[in-house]
C-alpha cells in the first residue's frame, strides 16, 4: 500500500495497533512501523519548513497550500 497523506498513515498505524492487540503482529513490526512513520512525518515537516523559509525570502511565492483548510461550521441550533 502506498501512503499518500497523513490520513492514510494514521489508518496504517491504527490497523497495526489493532493487529498487535489481536496478537496478529509482532511488537518488533509495530516498532519498525512507528519508526518509519516518524521518519515520514519529520520529512514532511522539513518540506514545510523549507517552503516557509523560501517564501519568507520571496514574498511573491504562493504558500496558501500550507494553510489548514477552513472547516464549514455546522449549527446545532434548531431553525425557526
N, C-alpha and C. Protein backbone atom coordinates (compact mmCIF):
# COMPACT_ATOMS: atom_id res chain seq x y z
N UNK A 1 0.84 -1.18 0.00
CA UNK A 1 0.00 0.00 0.00
C UNK A 1 0.89 1.25 0.00
N UNK A 2 0.61 2.13 -0.92
CA UNK A 2 1.34 3.39 -0.97
C UNK A 2 0.61 4.41 -0.09
N UNK A 3 1.33 5.03 0.81
CA UNK A 3 0.75 6.01 1.72
C UNK A 3 0.92 7.38 1.09
N UNK A 4 -0.20 8.06 0.80
CA UNK A 4 -0.15 9.32 0.08
C UNK A 4 -0.37 10.55 0.95
N UNK A 5 -0.89 10.36 2.17
CA UNK A 5 -1.14 11.50 3.04
C UNK A 5 -1.18 11.05 4.50
N UNK A 6 -1.27 12.00 5.39
CA UNK A 6 -1.22 11.67 6.81
C UNK A 6 -2.45 10.89 7.27
N UNK A 7 -3.58 11.09 6.61
CA UNK A 7 -4.78 10.32 6.96
C UNK A 7 -4.54 8.83 6.69
N UNK A 8 -3.92 8.52 5.57
CA UNK A 8 -3.60 7.13 5.24
C UNK A 8 -2.55 6.58 6.20
N UNK A 9 -1.59 7.41 6.59
CA UNK A 9 -0.58 6.98 7.55
C UNK A 9 -1.23 6.63 8.89
N UNK A 10 -2.14 7.48 9.35
CA UNK A 10 -2.85 7.19 10.60
C UNK A 10 -3.65 5.89 10.50
N UNK A 11 -4.24 5.64 9.33
CA UNK A 11 -5.01 4.41 9.14
C UNK A 11 -4.10 3.18 9.25
N UNK A 12 -2.94 3.25 8.62
CA UNK A 12 -1.98 2.14 8.67
C UNK A 12 -1.53 1.90 10.10
N UNK A 13 -1.23 2.97 10.81
CA UNK A 13 -0.80 2.84 12.20
C UNK A 13 -1.91 2.25 13.06
N UNK A 14 -3.13 2.71 12.86
CA UNK A 14 -4.28 2.18 13.61
C UNK A 14 -4.49 0.69 13.34
N UNK A 15 -4.36 0.32 12.08
CA UNK A 15 -4.51 -1.10 11.72
C UNK A 15 -3.42 -1.94 12.37
N UNK A 16 -2.21 -1.41 12.43
CA UNK A 16 -1.11 -2.14 13.06
C UNK A 16 -1.35 -2.29 14.56
N UNK A 17 -1.87 -1.24 15.19
CA UNK A 17 -2.18 -1.32 16.62
C UNK A 17 -3.24 -2.39 16.86
N UNK A 18 -4.27 -2.42 16.01
CA UNK A 18 -5.31 -3.45 16.13
C UNK A 18 -4.73 -4.85 15.97
N UNK A 19 -3.87 -5.01 14.97
CA UNK A 19 -3.24 -6.31 14.74
C UNK A 19 -2.38 -6.73 15.94
N UNK A 20 -1.70 -5.77 16.51
CA UNK A 20 -0.86 -6.05 17.68
C UNK A 20 -1.71 -6.50 18.86
N UNK A 21 -2.81 -5.81 19.08
CA UNK A 21 -3.72 -6.16 20.18
C UNK A 21 -4.32 -7.55 20.01
N UNK A 22 -4.58 -7.92 18.75
CA UNK A 22 -5.18 -9.23 18.47
C UNK A 22 -4.14 -10.35 18.45
N UNK A 23 -2.88 -9.98 18.58
CA UNK A 23 -1.82 -10.98 18.54
C UNK A 23 -1.44 -11.40 17.14
N UNK A 24 -1.88 -10.62 16.14
CA UNK A 24 -1.61 -10.95 14.74
C UNK A 24 -0.34 -10.28 14.22
N UNK A 25 0.30 -9.47 15.05
CA UNK A 25 1.51 -8.77 14.66
C UNK A 25 2.51 -8.82 15.81
N UNK A 26 3.76 -8.66 15.48
CA UNK A 26 4.81 -8.69 16.49
C UNK A 26 5.16 -7.27 16.94
N UNK A 27 5.53 -7.12 18.20
CA UNK A 27 5.95 -5.80 18.67
C UNK A 27 7.10 -5.21 17.85
N UNK A 28 7.99 -6.05 17.37
CA UNK A 28 9.11 -5.55 16.56
C UNK A 28 8.62 -4.93 15.25
N UNK A 29 7.59 -5.53 14.67
CA UNK A 29 6.99 -4.98 13.44
C UNK A 29 6.32 -3.64 13.73
N UNK A 30 5.56 -3.57 14.82
CA UNK A 30 4.88 -2.33 15.19
C UNK A 30 5.91 -1.23 15.49
N UNK A 31 6.99 -1.60 16.14
CA UNK A 31 8.05 -0.64 16.44
C UNK A 31 8.70 -0.13 15.15
N UNK A 32 8.94 -1.02 14.21
CA UNK A 32 9.53 -0.62 12.93
C UNK A 32 8.59 0.33 12.18
N UNK A 33 7.31 0.01 12.21
CA UNK A 33 6.31 0.86 11.55
C UNK A 33 6.28 2.25 12.20
N UNK A 34 6.32 2.29 13.52
CA UNK A 34 6.31 3.57 14.24
C UNK A 34 7.56 4.39 13.90
N UNK A 35 8.69 3.73 13.80
CA UNK A 35 9.93 4.42 13.45
C UNK A 35 9.84 5.00 12.05
N UNK A 36 9.36 4.22 11.10
CA UNK A 36 9.21 4.69 9.72
C UNK A 36 8.20 5.83 9.63
N UNK A 37 7.11 5.74 10.37
CA UNK A 37 6.11 6.81 10.37
C UNK A 37 6.73 8.11 10.89
N UNK A 38 7.52 8.00 11.93
CA UNK A 38 8.20 9.18 12.47
C UNK A 38 9.14 9.81 11.45
N UNK A 39 9.85 8.98 10.72
CA UNK A 39 10.76 9.48 9.68
C UNK A 39 9.96 10.20 8.59
N UNK A 40 8.84 9.60 8.20
CA UNK A 40 8.00 10.22 7.17
C UNK A 40 7.49 11.58 7.63
N UNK A 41 7.01 11.65 8.86
CA UNK A 41 6.47 12.91 9.37
C UNK A 41 7.55 13.99 9.52
N UNK A 42 8.73 13.59 9.94
CA UNK A 42 9.82 14.56 10.02
C UNK A 42 10.20 15.07 8.63
N UNK A 43 10.12 14.21 7.64
CA UNK A 43 10.40 14.60 6.26
C UNK A 43 9.38 15.63 5.78
N UNK A 44 8.12 15.39 6.08
CA UNK A 44 7.06 16.34 5.70
C UNK A 44 7.28 17.67 6.41
N UNK A 45 7.61 17.62 7.69
CA UNK A 45 7.86 18.84 8.46
C UNK A 45 9.01 19.63 7.84
N UNK A 46 10.06 18.93 7.44
CA UNK A 46 11.20 19.59 6.81
C UNK A 46 10.79 20.25 5.50
N UNK A 47 9.97 19.57 4.71
CA UNK A 47 9.48 20.15 3.46
C UNK A 47 8.71 21.44 3.72
N UNK A 48 7.82 21.41 4.71
CA UNK A 48 7.00 22.59 5.04
C UNK A 48 7.89 23.73 5.51
N UNK A 49 8.83 23.43 6.39
CA UNK A 49 9.73 24.46 6.89
C UNK A 49 10.58 25.07 5.77
N UNK A 50 11.01 24.25 4.82
CA UNK A 50 11.79 24.74 3.69
C UNK A 50 10.97 25.68 2.83
N UNK A 51 9.74 25.30 2.53
CA UNK A 51 8.88 26.17 1.72
C UNK A 51 8.60 27.48 2.44
N UNK A 52 8.36 27.41 3.73
CA UNK A 52 8.10 28.64 4.50
C UNK A 52 9.34 29.54 4.51
N UNK A 53 10.52 28.95 4.65
CA UNK A 53 11.75 29.74 4.63
C UNK A 53 11.92 30.41 3.27
N UNK A 54 11.76 29.65 2.21
CA UNK A 54 11.91 30.20 0.87
C UNK A 54 10.87 31.30 0.65
N UNK A 55 9.64 31.08 1.14
CA UNK A 55 8.59 32.08 0.98
C UNK A 55 8.92 33.36 1.75
N UNK A 56 9.58 33.23 2.89
CA UNK A 56 9.95 34.42 3.66
C UNK A 56 10.97 35.27 2.91
N UNK A 57 11.74 34.63 2.05
CA UNK A 57 12.74 35.35 1.25
C UNK A 57 12.15 35.84 -0.08
N UNK A 58 11.01 35.26 -0.47
CA UNK A 58 10.37 35.60 -1.74
C UNK A 58 8.87 35.77 -1.49
N UNK A 59 8.42 36.96 -1.12
CA UNK A 59 7.01 37.18 -0.76
C UNK A 59 6.02 36.87 -1.89
N UNK A 60 6.48 36.84 -3.13
CA UNK A 60 5.56 36.54 -4.24
C UNK A 60 5.19 35.06 -4.31
N UNK A 61 5.93 34.22 -3.59
CA UNK A 61 5.67 32.79 -3.61
C UNK A 61 4.34 32.50 -2.92
N UNK A 62 3.48 31.77 -3.58
CA UNK A 62 2.17 31.44 -3.03
C UNK A 62 2.30 30.23 -2.10
N UNK A 63 2.07 30.45 -0.81
CA UNK A 63 2.16 29.36 0.17
C UNK A 63 0.79 29.01 0.74
N UNK A 64 -0.28 29.40 0.06
CA UNK A 64 -1.62 29.14 0.57
C UNK A 64 -1.87 27.65 0.80
N UNK A 65 -1.20 26.81 0.03
CA UNK A 65 -1.41 25.36 0.18
C UNK A 65 -0.92 24.84 1.52
N UNK A 66 -0.12 25.62 2.24
CA UNK A 66 0.38 25.19 3.54
C UNK A 66 -0.64 25.42 4.66
N UNK A 67 -1.62 26.25 4.41
CA UNK A 67 -2.59 26.57 5.44
C UNK A 67 -3.62 25.45 5.57
N UNK A 68 -4.07 25.23 6.80
CA UNK A 68 -5.09 24.22 7.04
C UNK A 68 -6.39 24.68 6.38
N UNK A 69 -7.12 23.75 5.77
CA UNK A 69 -8.39 24.14 5.16
C UNK A 69 -9.38 24.60 6.23
N UNK A 70 -10.15 25.60 5.89
CA UNK A 70 -11.15 26.09 6.83
C UNK A 70 -12.34 25.16 6.78
N UNK A 71 -12.77 24.72 7.95
CA UNK A 71 -13.89 23.80 8.03
C UNK A 71 -15.19 24.58 8.11
N UNK A 72 -16.19 24.07 7.45
CA UNK A 72 -17.50 24.69 7.49
C UNK A 72 -18.13 24.37 8.83
N UNK A 73 -18.60 25.39 9.51
CA UNK A 73 -19.24 25.19 10.81
C UNK A 73 -20.67 24.72 10.62
N UNK A 74 -21.05 23.78 11.43
CA UNK A 74 -22.41 23.24 11.38
C UNK A 74 -23.13 23.72 12.63
N UNK A 75 -24.27 24.32 12.43
CA UNK A 75 -25.05 24.81 13.57
C UNK A 75 -25.91 23.69 14.11
N UNK A 76 -25.92 23.55 15.42
CA UNK A 76 -26.74 22.53 16.08
C UNK A 76 -28.07 23.11 16.58
N UNK A 77 -28.25 24.40 16.36
CA UNK A 77 -29.49 25.04 16.79
C UNK A 77 -30.62 24.71 15.82
N UNK A 78 -31.80 24.55 16.38
CA UNK A 78 -32.97 24.30 15.54
C UNK A 78 -33.38 25.57 14.84
N UNK A 79 -33.76 25.43 13.59
CA UNK A 79 -34.20 26.58 12.82
C UNK A 79 -35.65 26.88 13.16
N UNK A 80 -35.97 28.17 13.19
CA UNK A 80 -37.36 28.58 13.37
C UNK A 80 -37.73 28.75 14.73
